[in-house]
C-alpha atoms as a PDB file:
ATOM      1  CA  MET A   1       0.000   0.000   0.000  1.00  0.00           C
ATOM      2  CA  ASP A   2       1.473   3.327  -1.122  1.00  0.00           C
ATOM      3  CA  ARG A   3      -1.203   5.995  -0.657  1.00  0.00           C
ATOM      4  CA  ILE A   4      -4.351   6.501   1.420  1.00  0.00           C
ATOM      5  CA  CYS A   5      -7.001   9.212   1.408  1.00  0.00           C
ATOM      6  CA  LEU A   6      -8.166  10.266   4.881  1.00  0.00           C
ATOM      7  CA  PHE A   7     -11.549  11.732   5.809  1.00  0.00           C
ATOM      8  CA  TYR A   8     -12.225  12.652   9.427  1.00  0.00           C
ATOM      9  CA  ASP A   9     -14.531  14.695  11.600  1.00  0.00           C
ATOM     10  CA  SER A  10     -12.089  17.462  12.489  1.00  0.00           C
ATOM     11  CA  GLY A  11     -12.681  19.467  15.623  1.00  0.00           C
ATOM     12  CA  LYS A  12     -13.804  16.459  17.647  1.00  0.00           C
ATOM     13  CA  ASP A  13     -11.168  15.193  20.062  1.00  0.00           C
ATOM     14  CA  ARG A  14     -11.577  11.465  19.473  1.00  0.00           C
ATOM     15  CA  SER A  15     -11.641  11.747  15.666  1.00  0.00           C
ATOM     16  CA  ASP A  16      -8.687  14.141  15.669  1.00  0.00           C
ATOM     17  CA  GLY A  17      -6.737  11.767  17.902  1.00  0.00           C
ATOM     18  CA  ILE A  18      -7.377   8.728  15.701  1.00  0.00           C
ATOM     19  CA  ALA A  19      -6.575  10.722  12.554  1.00  0.00           C
ATOM     20  CA  SER A  20      -3.244  11.756  14.088  1.00  0.00           C
ATOM     21  CA  LEU A  21      -2.510   8.108  14.912  1.00  0.00           C
ATOM     22  CA  ILE A  22      -3.301   7.088  11.330  1.00  0.00           C
ATOM     23  CA  LYS A  23      -0.913   9.723   9.990  1.00  0.00           C
ATOM     24  CA  ASP A  24       1.839   8.576  12.358  1.00  0.00           C
ATOM     25  CA  LYS A  25       1.339   4.913  11.449  1.00  0.00           C
ATOM     26  CA  ALA A  26       1.305   5.786   7.748  1.00  0.00           C
ATOM     27  CA  GLU A  27       4.573   7.706   8.066  1.00  0.00           C
ATOM     28  CA  GLU A  28       6.169   4.730   9.825  1.00  0.00           C
ATOM     29  CA  ALA A  29       5.011   2.442   7.019  1.00  0.00           C
ATOM     30  CA  GLY A  30       6.101   4.818   4.244  1.00  0.00           C
ATOM     31  CA  ILE A  31       2.519   5.439   3.103  1.00  0.00           C
ATOM     32  CA  ALA A  32       1.545   8.835   1.724  1.00  0.00           C
ATOM     33  CA  VAL A  33      -1.587  10.451   3.210  1.00  0.00           C
ATOM     34  CA  LYS A  34      -3.937  12.753   1.313  1.00  0.00           C
ATOM     35  CA  GLU A  35      -6.734  14.400   3.274  1.00  0.00           C
ATOM     36  CA  GLY A  36     -10.276  14.405   1.865  1.00  0.00           C
ATOM     37  CA  GLY A  37     -11.363  15.492  -1.579  1.00  0.00           C
ATOM     38  CA  ASP A  38     -10.037  13.562  -4.579  1.00  0.00           C
ATOM     39  CA  VAL A  39      -9.474   9.860  -3.826  1.00  0.00           C
ATOM     40  CA  SER A  40      -8.041   8.972  -7.248  1.00  0.00           C
ATOM     41  CA  GLY A  41      -4.686   7.223  -7.084  1.00  0.00           C
ATOM     42  CA  SER A  42      -5.311   6.007  -3.533  1.00  0.00           C
ATOM     43  CA  ASP A  43      -5.072   2.370  -2.506  1.00  0.00           C
ATOM     44  CA  LEU A  44      -7.494   2.892   0.370  1.00  0.00           C
ATOM     45  CA  ALA A  45      -9.865   5.578   1.633  1.00  0.00           C
ATOM     46  CA  LEU A  46     -10.161   5.745   5.405  1.00  0.00           C
ATOM     47  CA  SER A  47     -12.837   7.717   7.257  1.00  0.00           C
ATOM     48  CA  VAL A  48     -13.028   8.487  10.969  1.00  0.00           C
ATOM     49  CA  GLY A  49     -16.195   9.931  12.508  1.00  0.00           C
ATOM     50  CA  GLY A  50     -19.940   9.383  12.365  1.00  0.00           C
ATOM     51  CA  ASP A  51     -22.380   8.627   9.561  1.00  0.00           C
ATOM     52  CA  GLY A  52     -21.911  12.025   7.918  1.00  0.00           C
ATOM     53  CA  THR A  53     -18.177  11.463   7.485  1.00  0.00           C
ATOM     54  CA  VAL A  54     -18.451   7.972   6.003  1.00  0.00           C
ATOM     55  CA  LEU A  55     -21.288   8.967   3.644  1.00  0.00           C
ATOM     56  CA  LYS A  56     -19.238  11.859   2.289  1.00  0.00           C
ATOM     57  CA  ALA A  57     -16.272   9.539   1.799  1.00  0.00           C
ATOM     58  CA  ALA A  58     -18.450   6.866   0.162  1.00  0.00           C
ATOM     59  CA  ARG A  59     -19.725   9.231  -2.535  1.00  0.00           C
ATOM     60  CA  LYS A  60     -16.091   9.870  -3.442  1.00  0.00           C
ATOM     61  CA  ALA A  61     -14.685   6.351  -3.054  1.00  0.00           C
ATOM     62  CA  GLY A  62     -17.546   4.429  -4.692  1.00  0.00           C
ATOM     63  CA  PRO A  63     -17.375   5.978  -8.177  1.00  0.00           C
ATOM     64  CA  ALA A  64     -13.545   5.884  -8.013  1.00  0.00           C
ATOM     65  CA  GLY A  65     -13.482   2.162  -7.180  1.00  0.00           C
ATOM     66  CA  VAL A  66     -11.305   2.754  -4.107  1.00  0.00           C
ATOM     67  CA  PRO A  67     -11.930   0.539  -1.042  1.00  0.00           C
ATOM     68  CA  LEU A  68     -13.235   2.440   1.982  1.00  0.00           C
ATOM     69  CA  ALA A  69     -12.654   1.556   5.641  1.00  0.00           C
ATOM     70  CA  HIS A  70     -14.487   3.426   8.376  1.00  0.00           C
ATOM     71  CA  ILE A  71     -13.705   3.805  12.072  1.00  0.00           C
ATOM     72  CA  ASN A  72     -16.951   4.780  13.778  1.00  0.00           C
ATOM     73  CA  THR A  73     -16.781   7.400  16.530  1.00  0.00           C
ATOM     74  CA  GLY A  74     -20.486   8.283  16.263  1.00  0.00           C
ATOM     75  CA  THR A  75     -23.449   7.083  18.301  1.00  0.00           C
ATOM     76  CA  LEU A  76     -25.082   4.506  16.007  1.00  0.00           C
ATOM     77  CA  GLY A  77     -23.587   3.658  12.619  1.00  0.00           C
ATOM     78  CA  PHE A  78     -23.736   0.248  10.928  1.00  0.00           C
ATOM     79  CA  MET A  79     -20.862   0.556   8.444  1.00  0.00           C
ATOM     80  CA  GLY A  80     -17.904   1.268  10.667  1.00  0.00           C
ATOM     81  CA  GLU A  81     -15.522  -0.688  12.841  1.00  0.00           C
ATOM     82  CA  GLU A  82     -15.198   0.059  16.554  1.00  0.00           C
ATOM     83  CA  PRO A  83     -11.948  -1.754  17.385  1.00  0.00           C
ATOM     84  CA  GLU A  84     -10.746  -1.978  20.976  1.00  0.00           C
ATOM     85  CA  LYS A  85      -7.139  -1.724  19.805  1.00  0.00           C
ATOM     86  CA  ILE A  86      -7.138   1.112  17.271  1.00  0.00           C
ATOM     87  CA  SER A  87      -3.392   0.935  16.643  1.00  0.00           C
ATOM     88  CA  ASP A  88      -3.481  -2.779  15.775  1.00  0.00           C
ATOM     89  CA  TYR A  89      -6.497  -2.283  13.526  1.00  0.00           C
ATOM     90  CA  ILE A  90      -4.806   0.514  11.558  1.00  0.00           C
ATOM     91  CA  GLU A  91      -1.704  -1.634  11.062  1.00  0.00           C
ATOM     92  CA  SER A  92      -3.857  -4.499   9.775  1.00  0.00           C
ATOM     93  CA  LEU A  93      -5.527  -2.165   7.270  1.00  0.00           C
ATOM     94  CA  PHE A  94      -2.160  -1.031   5.962  1.00  0.00           C
ATOM     95  CA  LYS A  95      -1.212  -4.695   5.472  1.00  0.00           C
ATOM     96  CA  GLY A  96      -4.395  -5.274   3.449  1.00  0.00           C
ATOM     97  CA  GLU A  97      -5.906  -7.559   6.087  1.00  0.00           C
ATOM     98  CA  PHE A  98      -9.589  -6.891   5.433  1.00  0.00           C
ATOM     99  CA  GLU A  99     -12.542  -8.262   3.503  1.00  0.00           C
ATOM    100  CA  ILE A 100     -14.338  -6.333   0.767  1.00  0.00           C
ATOM    101  CA  GLN A 101     -18.121  -6.105   0.950  1.00  0.00           C
ATOM    102  CA  GLU A 102     -19.708  -4.551  -2.107  1.00  0.00           C
ATOM    103  CA  ARG A 103     -22.589  -2.196  -1.369  1.00  0.00           C
ATOM    104  CA  MET A 104     -24.973  -0.954  -4.015  1.00  0.00           C
ATOM    105  CA  MET A 105     -25.400   2.769  -4.543  1.00  0.00           C
ATOM    106  CA  LEU A 106     -28.136   4.900  -6.096  1.00  0.00           C
ATOM    107  CA  SER A 107     -28.067   7.597  -8.730  1.00  0.00           C
ATOM    108  CA  ALA A 108     -30.661  10.382  -8.867  1.00  0.00           C
ATOM    109  CA  SER A 109     -31.030  12.748 -11.792  1.00  0.00           C
ATOM    110  CA  ALA A 110     -33.204  15.708 -12.650  1.00  0.00           C
ATOM    111  CA  VAL A 111     -32.859  18.607 -15.040  1.00  0.00           C
ATOM    112  CA  GLY A 112     -29.387  20.072 -14.605  1.00  0.00           C
ATOM    113  CA  PHE A 113     -27.827  17.689 -12.118  1.00  0.00           C
ATOM    114  CA  GLU A 114     -27.084  14.121 -11.067  1.00  0.00           C
ATOM    115  CA  THR A 115     -26.015  12.860  -7.645  1.00  0.00           C
ATOM    116  CA  PRO A 116     -24.943   9.508  -6.179  1.00  0.00           C
ATOM    117  CA  ALA A 117     -26.048   8.162  -2.800  1.00  0.00           C
ATOM    118  CA  LEU A 118     -24.986   5.285  -0.601  1.00  0.00           C
ATOM    119  CA  ASN A 119     -27.872   5.488   1.888  1.00  0.00           C
ATOM    120  CA  ASP A 120     -30.835   7.214   0.306  1.00  0.00           C
ATOM    121  CA  ILE A 121     -32.434   9.729  -1.973  1.00  0.00           C
ATOM    122  CA  VAL A 122     -35.156  11.721  -0.205  1.00  0.00           C
ATOM    123  CA  ILE A 123     -37.695  13.852  -2.063  1.00  0.00           C
ATOM    124  CA  LYS A 124     -39.628  15.943   0.421  1.00  0.00           C
ATOM    125  CA  ASN A 125     -41.334  19.207   1.296  1.00  0.00           C
ATOM    126  CA  GLY A 126     -39.571  22.354   2.405  1.00  0.00           C
ATOM    127  CA  GLU A 127     -39.287  24.255   5.667  1.00  0.00           C
ATOM    128  CA  THR A 128     -43.016  25.014   5.775  1.00  0.00           C
ATOM    129  CA  ALA A 129     -43.832  21.314   6.437  1.00  0.00           C
ATOM    130  CA  ARG A 130     -46.665  21.610   3.937  1.00  0.00           C
ATOM    131  CA  VAL A 131     -48.154  18.401   2.497  1.00  0.00           C
ATOM    132  CA  ILE A 132     -46.957  17.840  -1.081  1.00  0.00           C
ATOM    133  CA  SER A 133     -48.335  15.667  -3.900  1.00  0.00           C
ATOM    134  CA  LEU A 134     -46.037  13.197  -5.662  1.00  0.00           C
ATOM    135  CA  LYS A 135     -46.538  10.440  -8.214  1.00  0.00           C
ATOM    136  CA  LEU A 136     -44.366   7.318  -8.198  1.00  0.00           C
ATOM    137  CA  SER A 137     -43.804   5.365 -11.392  1.00  0.00           C
ATOM    138  CA  ILE A 138     -41.703   2.216 -11.719  1.00  0.00           C
ATOM    139  CA  ASP A 139     -40.514   1.256 -15.211  1.00  0.00           C
ATOM    140  CA  SER A 140     -43.010   3.809 -16.589  1.00  0.00           C
ATOM    141  CA  ASP A 141     -45.972   2.193 -14.793  1.00  0.00           C
ATOM    142  CA  LEU A 142     -47.814   4.449 -12.364  1.00  0.00           C
ATOM    143  CA  VAL A 143     -47.685   2.802  -8.937  1.00  0.00           C
ATOM    144  CA  SER A 144     -48.952   5.364  -6.465  1.00  0.00           C
ATOM    145  CA  SER A 145     -50.025   8.925  -5.848  1.00  0.00           C
ATOM    146  CA  ILE A 146     -48.558  10.061  -2.537  1.00  0.00           C
ATOM    147  CA  LYS A 147     -49.667  12.961  -0.400  1.00  0.00           C
ATOM    148  CA  GLY A 148     -47.539  13.656   2.649  1.00  0.00           C
ATOM    149  CA  ASP A 149     -44.070  14.905   3.515  1.00  0.00           C
ATOM    150  CA  GLY A 150     -42.395  13.034   0.659  1.00  0.00           C
ATOM    151  CA  ILE A 151     -40.725   9.746  -0.200  1.00  0.00           C
ATOM    152  CA  ILE A 152     -37.508   7.935   0.757  1.00  0.00           C
ATOM    153  CA  ILE A 153     -35.737   5.736  -1.788  1.00  0.00           C
ATOM    154  CA  SER A 154     -32.975   3.785  -0.108  1.00  0.00           C
ATOM    155  CA  THR A 155     -30.385   1.093  -0.629  1.00  0.00           C
ATOM    156  CA  PRO A 156     -30.107  -1.918   1.690  1.00  0.00           C
ATOM    157  CA  THR A 157     -27.245  -0.076   3.413  1.00  0.00           C
ATOM    158  CA  GLY A 158     -29.593   2.863   3.991  1.00  0.00           C
ATOM    159  CA  SER A 159     -32.428   0.671   5.262  1.00  0.00           C
ATOM    160  CA  THR A 160     -31.166   1.188   8.834  1.00  0.00           C
ATOM    161  CA  ALA A 161     -31.106   4.983   8.451  1.00  0.00           C
ATOM    162  CA  TYR A 162     -33.915   7.447   7.602  1.00  0.00           C
ATOM    163  CA  SER A 163     -36.014   4.715   5.979  1.00  0.00           C
ATOM    164  CA  LEU A 164     -36.097   2.729   9.223  1.00  0.00           C
ATOM    165  CA  ALA A 165     -37.138   5.828  11.181  1.00  0.00           C
ATOM    166  CA  ALA A 166     -40.028   6.266   8.725  1.00  0.00           C
ATOM    167  CA  GLY A 167     -41.249   2.702   9.233  1.00  0.00           C
ATOM    168  CA  GLY A 168     -39.340   0.948   6.450  1.00  0.00           C
ATOM    169  CA  PRO A 169     -37.921  -2.589   6.711  1.00  0.00           C
ATOM    170  CA  VAL A 170     -34.415  -3.617   7.749  1.00  0.00           C
ATOM    171  CA  VAL A 171     -32.719  -5.217   4.741  1.00  0.00           C
ATOM    172  CA  GLU A 172     -29.524  -7.273   4.664  1.00  0.00           C
ATOM    173  CA  PRO A 173     -26.924  -4.842   3.250  1.00  0.00           C
ATOM    174  CA  ASP A 174     -25.439  -7.007   0.482  1.00  0.00           C
ATOM    175  CA  LEU A 175     -28.783  -7.605  -1.275  1.00  0.00           C
ATOM    176  CA  ASN A 176     -29.535  -5.948  -4.611  1.00  0.00           C
ATOM    177  CA  VAL A 177     -32.864  -4.252  -3.959  1.00  0.00           C
ATOM    178  CA  ILE A 178     -34.326  -0.762  -3.665  1.00  0.00           C
ATOM    179  CA  ILE A 179     -36.585   0.212  -0.746  1.00  0.00           C
ATOM    180  CA  VAL A 180     -39.320   2.799  -1.301  1.00  0.00           C
ATOM    181  CA  THR A 181     -40.892   4.275   1.836  1.00  0.00           C
ATOM    182  CA  PRO A 182     -43.520   7.059   1.974  1.00  0.00           C
ATOM    183  CA  LEU A 183     -42.612   9.805   4.424  1.00  0.00           C
ATOM    184  CA  ASN A 184     -45.510  10.648   6.755  1.00  0.00           C
ATOM    185  CA  PRO A 185     -48.157   9.765   4.142  1.00  0.00           C
ATOM    186  CA  HIS A 186     -51.608  11.329   4.465  1.00  0.00           C
ATOM    187  CA  SER A 187     -53.152   7.880   3.967  1.00  0.00           C
ATOM    188  CA  LEU A 188     -53.430   4.664   5.969  1.00  0.00           C
ATOM    189  CA  ASN A 189     -52.858   2.424   2.936  1.00  0.00           C
ATOM    190  CA  SER A 190     -49.394   3.694   1.980  1.00  0.00           C
ATOM    191  CA  ARG A 191     -46.723   1.059   2.628  1.00  0.00           C
ATOM    192  CA  SER A 192     -43.058   0.440   1.881  1.00  0.00           C
ATOM    193  CA  LEU A 193     -42.049  -1.408  -1.285  1.00  0.00           C
ATOM    194  CA  VAL A 194     -38.979  -3.576  -1.832  1.00  0.00           C
ATOM    195  CA  ILE A 195     -38.161  -3.934  -5.532  1.00  0.00           C
ATOM    196  CA  ARG A 196     -35.403  -5.288  -7.780  1.00  0.00           C
ATOM    197  CA  HIS A 197     -32.363  -3.069  -8.203  1.00  0.00           C
ATOM    198  CA  SER A 198     -32.793  -3.085 -11.992  1.00  0.00           C
ATOM    199  CA  ARG A 199     -36.008  -1.051 -11.781  1.00  0.00           C
ATOM    200  CA  ARG A 200     -36.170   2.569 -12.904  1.00  0.00           C
ATOM    201  CA  LEU A 201     -38.106   4.865 -10.577  1.00  0.00           C
ATOM    202  CA  GLU A 202     -39.562   8.243 -11.439  1.00  0.00           C
ATOM    203  CA  VAL A 203     -40.971  10.600  -8.817  1.00  0.00           C
ATOM    204  CA  SER A 204     -43.003  13.476 -10.242  1.00  0.00           C
ATOM    205  CA  ALA A 205     -44.009  16.663  -8.464  1.00  0.00           C
ATOM    206  CA  LEU A 206     -46.866  18.215 -10.412  1.00  0.00           C
ATOM    207  CA  MET A 207     -48.682  20.648  -8.108  1.00  0.00           C
ATOM    208  CA  GLU A 208     -47.551  24.195  -8.793  1.00  0.00           C
ATOM    209  CA  GLY A 209     -46.874  26.038  -5.564  1.00  0.00           C
ATOM    210  CA  ASP A 210     -45.394  22.972  -3.857  1.00  0.00           C
ATOM    211  CA  GLU A 211     -41.894  23.423  -2.442  1.00  0.00           C
ATOM    212  CA  VAL A 212     -39.962  20.221  -3.201  1.00  0.00           C
ATOM    213  CA  PHE A 213     -36.357  19.309  -2.432  1.00  0.00           C
ATOM    214  CA  LEU A 214     -34.114  16.358  -3.239  1.00  0.00           C
ATOM    215  CA  THR A 215     -31.533  15.322  -0.654  1.00  0.00           C
ATOM    216  CA  SER A 216     -28.779  12.759  -1.189  1.00  0.00           C
ATOM    217  CA  ASP A 217     -27.541  10.984   1.971  1.00  0.00           C
ATOM    218  CA  GLY A 218     -28.872  13.880   4.050  1.00  0.00           C
ATOM    219  CA  GLN A 219     -26.034  16.091   2.772  1.00  0.00           C
ATOM    220  CA  VAL A 220     -26.412  17.168  -0.862  1.00  0.00           C
ATOM    221  CA  GLN A 221     -29.617  19.161  -1.405  1.00  0.00           C
ATOM    222  CA  ARG A 222     -31.219  20.549  -4.566  1.00  0.00           C
ATOM    223  CA  ARG A 223     -34.531  22.259  -5.108  1.00  0.00           C
ATOM    224  CA  ILE A 224     -36.771  20.547  -7.675  1.00  0.00           C
ATOM    225  CA  LYS A 225     -38.566  22.688 -10.193  1.00  0.00           C
ATOM    226  CA  VAL A 226     -42.329  22.072 -10.072  1.00  0.00           C
ATOM    227  CA  PRO A 227     -43.788  20.651 -12.243  1.00  0.00           C
ATOM    228  CA  GLY A 228     -40.833  18.323 -12.649  1.00  0.00           C
ATOM    229  CA  SER A 229     -39.531  14.851 -11.926  1.00  0.00           C
ATOM    230  CA  VAL A 230     -36.589  12.928 -10.503  1.00  0.00           C
ATOM    231  CA  THR A 231     -35.308   9.633 -11.906  1.00  0.00           C
ATOM    232  CA  VAL A 232     -33.688   7.183  -9.496  1.00  0.00           C
ATOM    233  CA  THR A 233     -31.814   4.041 -10.534  1.00  0.00           C
ATOM    234  CA  ALA A 234     -29.163   1.754  -9.126  1.00  0.00           C
ATOM    235  CA  SER A 235     -25.788   3.344  -9.765  1.00  0.00           C
ATOM    236  CA  PRO A 236     -23.327   1.559 -12.059  1.00  0.00           C
ATOM    237  CA  TYR A 237     -20.815   2.091  -9.238  1.00  0.00           C
ATOM    238  CA  ARG A 238     -20.644   0.007  -6.095  1.00  0.00           C
ATOM    239  CA  LEU A 239     -18.904   0.895  -2.867  1.00  0.00           C
ATOM    240  CA  LYS A 240     -16.093  -1.448  -1.880  1.00  0.00           C
ATOM    241  CA  LEU A 241     -16.447  -1.417   1.896  1.00  0.00           C
ATOM    242  CA  ALA A 242     -13.436  -2.778   3.791  1.00  0.00           C
ATOM    243  CA  ARG A 243     -14.643  -4.776   6.792  1.00  0.00           C
ATOM    244  CA  SER A 244     -13.104  -6.983   9.454  1.00  0.00           C
ATOM    245  CA  GLY A 245     -15.812  -9.572   8.878  1.00  0.00           C
ATOM    246  CA  ARG A 246     -18.193  -8.904  11.791  1.00  0.00           C
ATOM    247  CA  ASP A 247     -21.582 -10.479  11.094  1.00  0.00           C
ATOM    248  CA  PHE A 248     -24.363  -8.023  10.179  1.00  0.00           C
ATOM    249  CA  PHE A 249     -26.944  -9.684  12.412  1.00  0.00           C
ATOM    250  CA  SER A 250     -24.825  -9.579  15.563  1.00  0.00           C
ATOM    251  CA  LEU A 251     -24.088  -5.914  14.794  1.00  0.00           C
ATOM    252  CA  LEU A 252     -27.793  -5.238  14.225  1.00  0.00           C
ATOM    253  CA  SER A 253     -28.800  -6.950  17.448  1.00  0.00           C
ATOM    254  CA  GLY A 254     -26.258  -4.958  19.441  1.00  0.00           C
ATOM    255  CA  LYS A 255     -27.047  -1.581  17.870  1.00  0.00           C
ATOM    256  CA  MET A 256     -30.808  -2.019  18.140  1.00  0.00           C
ATOM    257  CA  ASN A 257     -30.663  -3.537  21.639  1.00  0.00           C
ATOM    258  CA  TRP A 258     -32.638  -6.526  20.361  1.00  0.00           C
ATOM    259  CA  GLY A 259     -30.707  -8.870  22.612  1.00  0.00           C
ATOM    260  CA  LEU A 260     -31.918  -7.184  25.808  1.00  0.00           C
END
């Protein structure tokens, strides 16, 4: 390993401390460290922090095909490692002692822009919390008219994030499916859908006067022109997530306190 790209939650003591340790270990091993931004030319991307840090890194590393390892210092988080011996774990990463788990990503496009997402694409109302009207089509077939706060379209990785909070299902992260969950629907018969990853989804906002926004991974936000539509598909890129091999179900049970 010759070069790594480091993302970390600067300004927080624990993340800063681990980032400093990574830099020291990299110097000892003769590995160059580049901080944030462009991951091209790197053998490994390494993020330290909470969900926001790893999601930012994933949108860079996924399309570049660079493996990403994450050390979780946040409160929940399902993608990161929480090693007891940080120093030993960093050394093992630099030796290439990890497994690669491929995670599917999404791509959302509308007039004038396109954005990737590892967790989810959310199409929702604005700051006024006003009910908006959306239409969901899958492979050009109209599936549902939704009135409410919006809609969440997530990957299996994102099923334990905003989608779960909105009542969506937990999905094993290495499956190839897309989860569609209405956000606070103004109807008792609106339910989540789990569909094949090869489907093409179109969400249309048709009611003039509605304020509609698209958010990718809770970080990248664009306002949608109304009337207008957003197309969401599985991305051609997949995130190569470097893991130590901990089983998803034991992690899920621990994080969700299901074993208590």
